[in-house]
Amino acid sequence: MIQQPLPPTLNIEEILRESEKAFQRFTAFCKEIPADTFFREPAGHWSIAQNLQHLVICTKTATAAYALPRFLVRLFGGKPNRPSAPIPNW
């Protein structure tokens, strides 16, 4: 296996700044997609808009879960049915 260098370590301000830049780039990219393409639902698949909506909902749910004490998350979400995936060794 080829050893890849670890990504740089960022502090919270840098993470927020880079996240905002990524959001702005993604927003600009989405605005360039014609509306008929953005909302088109290929047979048996979600549209780009539906995928984006799904990501927003998942992100909000995960953010809310991280703000709760672990026992509440377990109480409402249940216990995982498998062990956590190992952290990649880059």
N, C-alpha and C. Protein backbone atom coordinates (compact mmCIF):
# COMPACT_ATOMS: atom_id res chain seq x y z
N MET A 1 0.84 -1.18 0.00
CA MET A 1 0.00 0.00 0.00
C MET A 1 0.89 1.24 0.00
N ILE A 2 0.51 2.21 -0.80
CA ILE A 2 1.27 3.45 -0.90
C ILE A 2 0.93 4.33 0.29
N GLN A 3 1.94 4.79 1.01
CA GLN A 3 1.72 5.69 2.14
C GLN A 3 1.44 7.09 1.61
N GLN A 4 0.31 7.64 2.01
CA GLN A 4 -0.04 8.99 1.63
C GLN A 4 0.22 9.90 2.82
N PRO A 5 0.67 11.13 2.56
CA PRO A 5 0.90 12.04 3.68
C PRO A 5 -0.41 12.40 4.37
N LEU A 6 -0.34 12.64 5.65
CA LEU A 6 -1.52 13.07 6.39
C LEU A 6 -1.94 14.47 5.94
N PRO A 7 -3.25 14.73 5.91
CA PRO A 7 -3.67 16.09 5.59
C PRO A 7 -3.20 17.04 6.68
N PRO A 8 -3.05 18.30 6.34
CA PRO A 8 -2.58 19.25 7.36
C PRO A 8 -3.58 19.38 8.50
N THR A 9 -3.07 19.63 9.68
CA THR A 9 -3.92 19.84 10.85
C THR A 9 -4.37 21.30 10.86
N LEU A 10 -5.67 21.50 11.02
CA LEU A 10 -6.21 22.85 11.01
C LEU A 10 -6.82 23.16 12.38
N ASN A 11 -6.77 24.43 12.76
CA ASN A 11 -7.46 24.82 13.99
C ASN A 11 -8.91 25.14 13.64
N ILE A 12 -9.72 25.40 14.63
CA ILE A 12 -11.16 25.59 14.42
C ILE A 12 -11.45 26.77 13.48
N GLU A 13 -10.70 27.86 13.60
CA GLU A 13 -10.93 29.00 12.72
C GLU A 13 -10.63 28.64 11.27
N GLU A 14 -9.56 27.88 11.06
CA GLU A 14 -9.20 27.47 9.70
C GLU A 14 -10.23 26.49 9.13
N ILE A 15 -10.72 25.59 9.96
CA ILE A 15 -11.74 24.64 9.51
C ILE A 15 -13.00 25.40 9.09
N LEU A 16 -13.42 26.36 9.90
CA LEU A 16 -14.61 27.15 9.56
C LEU A 16 -14.39 27.96 8.29
N ARG A 17 -13.23 28.55 8.15
CA ARG A 17 -12.91 29.35 6.95
C ARG A 17 -12.91 28.47 5.70
N GLU A 18 -12.27 27.31 5.78
CA GLU A 18 -12.21 26.40 4.63
C GLU A 18 -13.58 25.82 4.31
N SER A 19 -14.39 25.57 5.34
CA SER A 19 -15.75 25.08 5.12
C SER A 19 -16.58 26.12 4.40
N GLU A 20 -16.44 27.37 4.79
CA GLU A 20 -17.18 28.45 4.15
C GLU A 20 -16.75 28.59 2.69
N LYS A 21 -15.45 28.48 2.42
CA LYS A 21 -14.96 28.55 1.02
C LYS A 21 -15.55 27.42 0.20
N ALA A 22 -15.55 26.20 0.75
CA ALA A 22 -16.10 25.05 0.04
C ALA A 22 -17.59 25.25 -0.23
N PHE A 23 -18.31 25.77 0.75
CA PHE A 23 -19.73 26.03 0.58
C PHE A 23 -19.96 27.05 -0.53
N GLN A 24 -19.16 28.11 -0.57
CA GLN A 24 -19.31 29.13 -1.60
C GLN A 24 -19.00 28.57 -2.99
N ARG A 25 -17.96 27.73 -3.10
CA ARG A 25 -17.63 27.11 -4.39
C ARG A 25 -18.76 26.19 -4.84
N PHE A 26 -19.29 25.40 -3.90
CA PHE A 26 -20.36 24.47 -4.24
C PHE A 26 -21.63 25.22 -4.65
N THR A 27 -21.94 26.30 -3.93
CA THR A 27 -23.11 27.11 -4.27
C THR A 27 -22.97 27.69 -5.68
N ALA A 28 -21.79 28.21 -5.99
CA ALA A 28 -21.55 28.77 -7.33
C ALA A 28 -21.69 27.68 -8.39
N PHE A 29 -21.17 26.49 -8.11
CA PHE A 29 -21.28 25.37 -9.04
C PHE A 29 -22.74 25.02 -9.29
N CYS A 30 -23.54 24.92 -8.23
CA CYS A 30 -24.96 24.57 -8.36
C CYS A 30 -25.72 25.63 -9.15
N LYS A 31 -25.37 26.89 -8.97
CA LYS A 31 -26.05 27.97 -9.68
C LYS A 31 -25.78 27.92 -11.18
N GLU A 32 -24.67 27.30 -11.58
CA GLU A 32 -24.33 27.19 -13.01
C GLU A 32 -25.09 26.06 -13.69
N ILE A 33 -25.66 25.15 -12.93
CA ILE A 33 -26.39 24.02 -13.51
C ILE A 33 -27.77 24.51 -13.95
N PRO A 34 -28.15 24.26 -15.20
CA PRO A 34 -29.48 24.68 -15.64
C PRO A 34 -30.57 24.04 -14.78
N ALA A 35 -31.65 24.78 -14.53
CA ALA A 35 -32.72 24.31 -13.64
C ALA A 35 -33.29 22.97 -14.10
N ASP A 36 -33.47 22.79 -15.42
CA ASP A 36 -34.05 21.53 -15.89
C ASP A 36 -33.13 20.35 -15.57
N THR A 37 -31.84 20.56 -15.56
CA THR A 37 -30.88 19.51 -15.19
C THR A 37 -30.86 19.32 -13.67
N PHE A 38 -30.89 20.42 -12.93
CA PHE A 38 -30.79 20.38 -11.47
C PHE A 38 -31.97 19.61 -10.85
N PHE A 39 -33.16 19.78 -11.43
CA PHE A 39 -34.36 19.17 -10.88
C PHE A 39 -34.80 17.89 -11.61
N ARG A 40 -34.10 17.52 -12.68
CA ARG A 40 -34.49 16.34 -13.45
C ARG A 40 -34.25 15.08 -12.62
N GLU A 41 -35.23 14.20 -12.63
CA GLU A 41 -35.14 12.93 -11.91
C GLU A 41 -34.94 11.80 -12.93
N PRO A 42 -33.70 11.36 -13.11
CA PRO A 42 -33.48 10.24 -14.03
C PRO A 42 -34.25 9.02 -13.52
N ALA A 43 -34.65 8.16 -14.41
CA ALA A 43 -35.46 6.98 -14.05
C ALA A 43 -34.82 6.21 -12.89
N GLY A 44 -35.57 6.13 -11.79
CA GLY A 44 -35.10 5.36 -10.65
C GLY A 44 -34.02 6.03 -9.82
N HIS A 45 -33.73 7.29 -10.07
CA HIS A 45 -32.66 7.99 -9.35
C HIS A 45 -33.16 9.34 -8.84
N TRP A 46 -32.46 9.86 -7.85
CA TRP A 46 -32.79 11.19 -7.33
C TRP A 46 -32.20 12.26 -8.23
N SER A 47 -32.85 13.40 -8.23
CA SER A 47 -32.30 14.56 -8.94
C SER A 47 -31.13 15.13 -8.12
N ILE A 48 -30.40 16.03 -8.72
CA ILE A 48 -29.33 16.72 -8.00
C ILE A 48 -29.92 17.46 -6.79
N ALA A 49 -31.08 18.11 -7.01
CA ALA A 49 -31.74 18.85 -5.93
C ALA A 49 -32.13 17.92 -4.78
N GLN A 50 -32.64 16.73 -5.09
CA GLN A 50 -33.03 15.79 -4.05
C GLN A 50 -31.81 15.26 -3.28
N ASN A 51 -30.72 15.01 -3.99
CA ASN A 51 -29.49 14.59 -3.32
C ASN A 51 -29.00 15.68 -2.38
N LEU A 52 -29.04 16.92 -2.83
CA LEU A 52 -28.60 18.04 -2.01
C LEU A 52 -29.50 18.19 -0.77
N GLN A 53 -30.80 18.05 -0.96
CA GLN A 53 -31.73 18.13 0.17
C GLN A 53 -31.44 17.01 1.17
N HIS A 54 -31.17 15.82 0.69
CA HIS A 54 -30.83 14.69 1.56
C HIS A 54 -29.58 15.00 2.39
N LEU A 55 -28.56 15.56 1.76
CA LEU A 55 -27.32 15.90 2.48
C LEU A 55 -27.57 16.95 3.55
N VAL A 56 -28.40 17.94 3.26
CA VAL A 56 -28.72 18.98 4.24
C VAL A 56 -29.43 18.37 5.44
N ILE A 57 -30.42 17.52 5.18
CA ILE A 57 -31.16 16.88 6.27
C ILE A 57 -30.23 16.01 7.12
N CYS A 58 -29.39 15.21 6.47
CA CYS A 58 -28.46 14.35 7.21
C CYS A 58 -27.47 15.16 8.04
N THR A 59 -26.98 16.24 7.48
CA THR A 59 -26.02 17.07 8.20
C THR A 59 -26.67 17.72 9.42
N LYS A 60 -27.89 18.22 9.26
CA LYS A 60 -28.59 18.83 10.40
C LYS A 60 -28.87 17.80 11.48
N THR A 61 -29.26 16.60 11.09
CA THR A 61 -29.53 15.53 12.05
C THR A 61 -28.27 15.14 12.80
N ALA A 62 -27.18 14.96 12.06
CA ALA A 62 -25.91 14.58 12.70
C ALA A 62 -25.42 15.69 13.63
N THR A 63 -25.54 16.93 13.21
CA THR A 63 -25.12 18.05 14.04
C THR A 63 -25.92 18.09 15.33
N ALA A 64 -27.22 17.86 15.23
CA ALA A 64 -28.06 17.84 16.43
C ALA A 64 -27.67 16.68 17.33
N ALA A 65 -27.38 15.53 16.75
CA ALA A 65 -27.00 14.35 17.55
C ALA A 65 -25.70 14.59 18.30
N TYR A 66 -24.74 15.25 17.67
CA TYR A 66 -23.46 15.52 18.34
C TYR A 66 -23.62 16.50 19.50
N ALA A 67 -24.68 17.29 19.48
CA ALA A 67 -24.90 18.26 20.56
C ALA A 67 -25.56 17.60 21.78
N LEU A 68 -26.09 16.40 21.62
CA LEU A 68 -26.78 15.71 22.71
C LEU A 68 -25.81 14.81 23.48
N PRO A 69 -26.13 14.53 24.73
CA PRO A 69 -25.34 13.55 25.46
C PRO A 69 -25.47 12.17 24.78
N ARG A 70 -24.41 11.39 24.82
CA ARG A 70 -24.38 10.10 24.14
C ARG A 70 -25.53 9.19 24.56
N PHE A 71 -25.88 9.19 25.86
CA PHE A 71 -26.94 8.28 26.30
C PHE A 71 -28.27 8.60 25.64
N LEU A 72 -28.53 9.89 25.34
CA LEU A 72 -29.77 10.24 24.66
C LEU A 72 -29.77 9.78 23.21
N VAL A 73 -28.63 9.90 22.57
CA VAL A 73 -28.51 9.43 21.18
C VAL A 73 -28.75 7.92 21.14
N ARG A 74 -28.16 7.19 22.09
CA ARG A 74 -28.37 5.74 22.16
C ARG A 74 -29.82 5.41 22.47
N LEU A 75 -30.43 6.19 23.36
CA LEU A 75 -31.81 5.95 23.76
C LEU A 75 -32.76 6.06 22.56
N PHE A 76 -32.58 7.12 21.76
CA PHE A 76 -33.48 7.35 20.63
C PHE A 76 -33.01 6.68 19.35
N GLY A 77 -31.71 6.54 19.17
CA GLY A 77 -31.19 5.97 17.93
C GLY A 77 -30.87 4.50 18.02
N GLY A 78 -30.73 4.00 19.24
CA GLY A 78 -30.40 2.60 19.41
C GLY A 78 -28.90 2.37 19.41
N LYS A 79 -28.53 1.14 19.71
CA LYS A 79 -27.12 0.74 19.74
C LYS A 79 -26.71 0.32 18.33
N PRO A 80 -25.50 0.67 17.90
CA PRO A 80 -25.05 0.26 16.57
C PRO A 80 -25.12 -1.26 16.41
N ASN A 81 -25.45 -1.71 15.21
CA ASN A 81 -25.53 -3.15 14.96
C ASN A 81 -24.23 -3.75 14.44
N ARG A 82 -23.17 -2.94 14.42
CA ARG A 82 -21.85 -3.43 13.98
C ARG A 82 -20.79 -2.52 14.60
N PRO A 83 -19.56 -3.02 14.68
CA PRO A 83 -18.49 -2.17 15.24
C PRO A 83 -18.16 -1.01 14.29
N SER A 84 -17.57 0.02 14.85
CA SER A 84 -17.15 1.16 14.03
C SER A 84 -16.09 0.74 13.04
N ALA A 85 -16.08 1.40 11.90
CA ALA A 85 -15.05 1.14 10.91
C ALA A 85 -13.71 1.63 11.42
N PRO A 86 -12.63 0.94 11.09
CA PRO A 86 -11.33 1.40 11.56
C PRO A 86 -10.93 2.73 10.90
N ILE A 87 -10.17 3.51 11.61
CA ILE A 87 -9.66 4.78 11.08
C ILE A 87 -8.56 4.45 10.08
N PRO A 88 -8.61 5.04 8.87
CA PRO A 88 -7.57 4.72 7.89
C PRO A 88 -6.18 5.14 8.38
N ASN A 89 -5.21 4.35 8.08
CA ASN A 89 -3.83 4.64 8.46
C ASN A 89 -3.13 5.24 7.25
N TRP A 90 -3.27 6.55 7.09
CA TRP A 90 -2.67 7.24 5.95
C TRP A 90 -1.23 7.36 6.20
